[in-house]
N, C-alpha and C. Protein backbone atom coordinates (compact mmCIF):
# COMPACT_ATOMS: atom_id res chain seq x y z
N MET A 1 21.50 -6.88 4.83
CA MET A 1 20.97 -6.20 3.37
C MET A 1 19.53 -6.01 3.13
N ASP A 2 19.26 -5.10 2.83
CA ASP A 2 17.97 -4.47 2.42
C ASP A 2 17.35 -4.95 1.84
N GLN A 3 15.79 -5.77 2.38
CA GLN A 3 14.93 -6.63 1.60
C GLN A 3 13.72 -5.51 0.81
N GLU A 4 13.99 -5.77 -0.35
CA GLU A 4 12.60 -5.36 -0.78
C GLU A 4 11.21 -5.77 -0.46
N ILE A 5 10.38 -4.77 -0.22
CA ILE A 5 8.67 -5.16 -0.25
C ILE A 5 8.16 -4.67 -1.06
N HIS A 6 7.49 -5.63 -2.07
CA HIS A 6 6.75 -5.01 -2.12
C HIS A 6 5.26 -5.34 -1.89
N ASN A 7 3.61 -4.34 -2.99
CA ASN A 7 2.69 -4.20 -3.09
C ASN A 7 2.25 -4.51 -3.44
N ARG A 8 0.95 -4.02 -3.20
CA ARG A 8 -0.78 -4.09 -4.09
C ARG A 8 -1.65 -3.29 -3.86
N ILE A 9 -0.81 -2.26 -2.96
CA ILE A 9 -1.94 -0.62 -2.96
C ILE A 9 -3.02 -0.16 -3.95
N ALA A 10 -1.51 0.36 -5.16
CA ALA A 10 -2.55 0.86 -6.40
C ALA A 10 -3.71 -0.04 -6.63
N LEU A 11 -3.45 -1.75 -6.87
CA LEU A 11 -4.48 -2.35 -7.44
C LEU A 11 -5.63 -2.28 -6.14
N PHE A 12 -5.58 -2.42 -4.97
CA PHE A 12 -7.10 -2.73 -4.09
C PHE A 12 -7.51 -0.96 -4.02
N ARG A 13 -6.43 -0.03 -3.96
CA ARG A 13 -7.06 1.51 -4.47
C ARG A 13 -7.86 1.85 -5.44
N THR A 14 -7.22 1.42 -6.56
CA THR A 14 -8.14 1.66 -7.81
C THR A 14 -9.55 0.58 -7.78
N GLU A 15 -9.03 -0.58 -6.90
CA GLU A 15 -10.63 -1.00 -7.43
C GLU A 15 -11.67 -0.85 -6.06
N ARG A 16 -10.99 0.22 -5.20
CA ARG A 16 -12.20 0.54 -4.37
C ARG A 16 -12.71 2.08 -4.85
N GLY A 17 -11.82 2.49 -5.86
CA GLY A 17 -12.50 4.16 -6.41
C GLY A 17 -11.68 5.12 -5.86
N LEU A 18 -10.69 4.95 -4.90
CA LEU A 18 -9.69 5.82 -3.70
C LEU A 18 -8.61 6.95 -4.70
N THR A 19 -9.06 7.82 -4.75
CA THR A 19 -7.39 8.56 -4.98
C THR A 19 -6.34 8.14 -4.01
N ARG A 20 -5.50 9.20 -4.84
CA ARG A 20 -3.78 8.62 -3.57
C ARG A 20 -4.32 9.87 -2.45
N ARG A 21 -5.17 10.98 -2.91
CA ARG A 21 -4.66 12.13 -2.12
C ARG A 21 -6.03 11.62 -1.11
N ALA A 22 -7.39 10.63 -1.04
CA ALA A 22 -8.44 10.33 -0.49
C ALA A 22 -7.73 9.31 0.21
N LEU A 23 -7.16 8.19 -0.19
CA LEU A 23 -6.31 7.24 1.20
C LEU A 23 -5.48 7.71 1.69
N ALA A 24 -4.31 9.13 1.35
CA ALA A 24 -3.27 9.54 2.43
C ALA A 24 -4.29 10.00 3.61
N GLU A 25 -5.38 10.88 3.01
CA GLU A 25 -6.04 11.19 4.21
C GLU A 25 -6.57 10.29 5.27
N ALA A 26 -6.88 9.10 4.94
CA ALA A 26 -7.86 8.04 5.67
C ALA A 26 -6.70 7.42 6.12
N VAL A 27 -5.12 7.37 6.70
CA VAL A 27 -4.40 7.42 6.75
C VAL A 27 -3.42 7.77 7.63
N ASP A 28 -3.60 9.07 6.90
CA ASP A 28 -3.13 10.26 7.98
C ASP A 28 -1.46 10.79 7.36
N VAL A 29 -1.26 10.68 5.97
CA VAL A 29 -0.23 10.76 5.72
C VAL A 29 -0.14 11.23 4.04
N ASN A 30 0.93 12.36 4.03
CA ASN A 30 1.11 13.21 2.30
C ASN A 30 0.53 12.31 1.22
N PRO A 31 -0.05 12.73 0.26
CA PRO A 31 -0.86 12.16 -0.98
C PRO A 31 0.66 11.74 -1.40
N GLN A 32 1.74 12.65 -1.55
CA GLN A 32 3.44 11.47 -2.08
C GLN A 32 3.86 10.23 -1.63
N THR A 33 3.21 10.36 -0.32
CA THR A 33 3.72 9.13 0.31
C THR A 33 3.14 7.63 -0.40
N ILE A 34 1.76 8.02 -0.54
CA ILE A 34 0.86 6.97 -1.49
C ILE A 34 1.51 6.52 -2.96
N GLY A 35 1.95 8.06 -3.11
CA GLY A 35 2.50 7.54 -4.45
C GLY A 35 4.11 6.21 -5.02
N TYR A 36 4.70 7.13 -3.47
CA TYR A 36 6.15 6.18 -3.56
C TYR A 36 6.00 4.73 -3.00
N LEU A 37 5.12 4.76 -2.17
CA LEU A 37 4.88 3.47 -1.62
C LEU A 37 4.66 2.51 -2.78
N GLU A 38 3.58 3.29 -3.95
CA GLU A 38 2.90 2.34 -4.46
C GLU A 38 4.36 2.07 -5.67
N ARG A 39 5.15 3.09 -6.25
CA ARG A 39 6.35 2.52 -6.71
C ARG A 39 7.05 2.11 -6.41
N GLY A 40 6.83 1.33 -4.51
CA GLY A 40 8.25 0.34 -3.80
C GLY A 40 9.07 1.93 -3.66
N GLU A 41 9.14 2.44 -3.73
CA GLU A 41 10.23 4.15 -3.33
C GLU A 41 10.45 4.21 -1.66
N TYR A 42 9.16 3.55 -1.01
CA TYR A 42 9.20 3.85 0.40
C TYR A 42 9.09 2.59 0.86
N LYS A 43 9.42 1.63 1.91
CA LYS A 43 8.76 1.02 2.86
C LYS A 43 8.29 1.69 4.18
N PRO A 44 6.47 1.35 4.50
CA PRO A 44 5.78 1.58 5.42
C PRO A 44 6.37 1.25 6.28
N SER A 45 5.54 1.83 7.61
CA SER A 45 6.30 1.05 8.91
C SER A 45 5.23 0.37 8.96
N LEU A 46 5.21 -0.51 10.04
CA LEU A 46 4.27 -1.72 10.47
C LEU A 46 2.66 -0.81 11.29
N GLU A 47 3.12 0.78 11.35
CA GLU A 47 2.00 1.03 12.18
C GLU A 47 1.01 1.32 10.62
N LEU A 48 1.72 2.31 9.50
CA LEU A 48 0.92 2.14 8.62
C LEU A 48 0.95 1.71 7.55
N ALA A 49 1.24 0.29 7.74
CA ALA A 49 0.86 -0.78 6.11
C ALA A 49 -0.78 -1.46 7.59
N MET A 50 -0.58 -1.51 8.55
CA MET A 50 -1.78 -1.98 9.30
C MET A 50 -3.01 -0.71 8.91
N LYS A 51 -2.58 0.75 9.19
CA LYS A 51 -3.75 1.50 8.62
C LYS A 51 -4.17 1.21 7.32
N ILE A 52 -2.85 0.98 6.51
CA ILE A 52 -4.19 0.66 5.21
C ILE A 52 -4.36 -0.52 5.27
N ALA A 53 -3.74 -1.54 5.70
CA ALA A 53 -5.14 -2.94 5.50
C ALA A 53 -6.52 -2.73 6.09
N ARG A 54 -5.68 -2.01 7.44
CA ARG A 54 -7.57 -1.14 7.44
C ARG A 54 -8.48 -0.33 6.77
N VAL A 55 -7.99 0.08 5.71
CA VAL A 55 -8.68 0.82 5.18
C VAL A 55 -9.22 -0.20 4.14
N PHE A 56 -8.64 -0.81 3.76
CA PHE A 56 -9.27 -1.81 2.76
C PHE A 56 -9.72 -3.26 3.40
N ASP A 57 -9.74 -2.93 4.76
CA ASP A 57 -9.91 -4.25 5.61
C ASP A 57 -9.80 -5.73 5.20
N VAL A 58 -8.57 -6.06 4.62
CA VAL A 58 -7.63 -6.63 4.58
C VAL A 58 -6.52 -7.24 5.32
N PRO A 59 -6.40 -8.62 5.38
CA PRO A 59 -4.71 -8.41 5.88
C PRO A 59 -3.57 -7.66 5.37
N ILE A 60 -2.87 -7.67 6.39
CA ILE A 60 -1.33 -6.77 5.76
C ILE A 60 -1.32 -7.72 4.77
N GLU A 61 -1.00 -9.43 4.86
CA GLU A 61 -0.28 -10.10 3.83
C GLU A 61 -1.15 -10.02 2.65
N LEU A 62 -2.39 -9.37 2.53
CA LEU A 62 -2.32 -9.37 1.27
C LEU A 62 -2.30 -8.00 0.28
N LEU A 63 -1.91 -7.16 1.17
CA LEU A 63 -1.24 -5.85 0.14
C LEU A 63 0.56 -5.90 0.23
N PHE A 64 1.04 -6.47 1.17
CA PHE A 64 2.24 -6.47 1.21
C PHE A 64 3.32 -8.16 1.14
N SER A 65 4.62 -7.90 0.65
CA SER A 65 4.76 -9.65 0.81
C SER A 65 6.55 -9.32 0.66
N SER A 66 7.44 -9.57 1.05
CA SER A 66 8.59 -9.71 0.72
C SER A 66 8.96 -10.24 -0.86
N HIS A 67 7.78 -10.93 -1.64
CA HIS A 67 7.85 -11.88 -2.44
C HIS A 67 7.09 -11.22 -3.49
N PRO A 68 7.82 -10.70 -4.63
CA PRO A 68 6.41 -10.35 -5.80
C PRO A 68 5.04 -11.17 -5.95
N PHE A 69 4.47 -9.83 -6.01
CA PHE A 69 2.93 -10.65 -6.55
C PHE A 69 3.53 -11.90 -7.88
N GLU A 70 1.94 -12.47 -7.96
CA GLU A 70 1.88 -12.87 -9.23
C GLU A 70 1.37 -11.86 -9.74
N SER A 71 0.94 -11.77 -11.12
CA SER A 71 0.24 -10.54 -12.02
C SER A 71 -1.27 -11.28 -11.66
N VAL A 72 -2.07 -10.18 -11.93
CA VAL A 72 -3.64 -10.40 -12.07
C VAL A 72 -3.88 -10.19 -13.54
N ALA A 73 -2.81 -9.88 -14.52
CA ALA A 73 -3.14 -9.69 -15.60
C ALA A 73 -3.31 -10.87 -16.55
């Protein structure tokens, strides 16, 4: 069974004023990959998840979860 991975990449990216392209450059991936991640169409490797967490200077658990995050709205 393939478990869904939820993330808050778009929320953190927007809060920090980063474009998808800027985040992609910071973690050395194609900007399309960031879009796929944000839409939940792609699961990051552990290495990529750690790189993204480092960019935002937060623990991985604040960005990724196996359970849906509560709405911030």
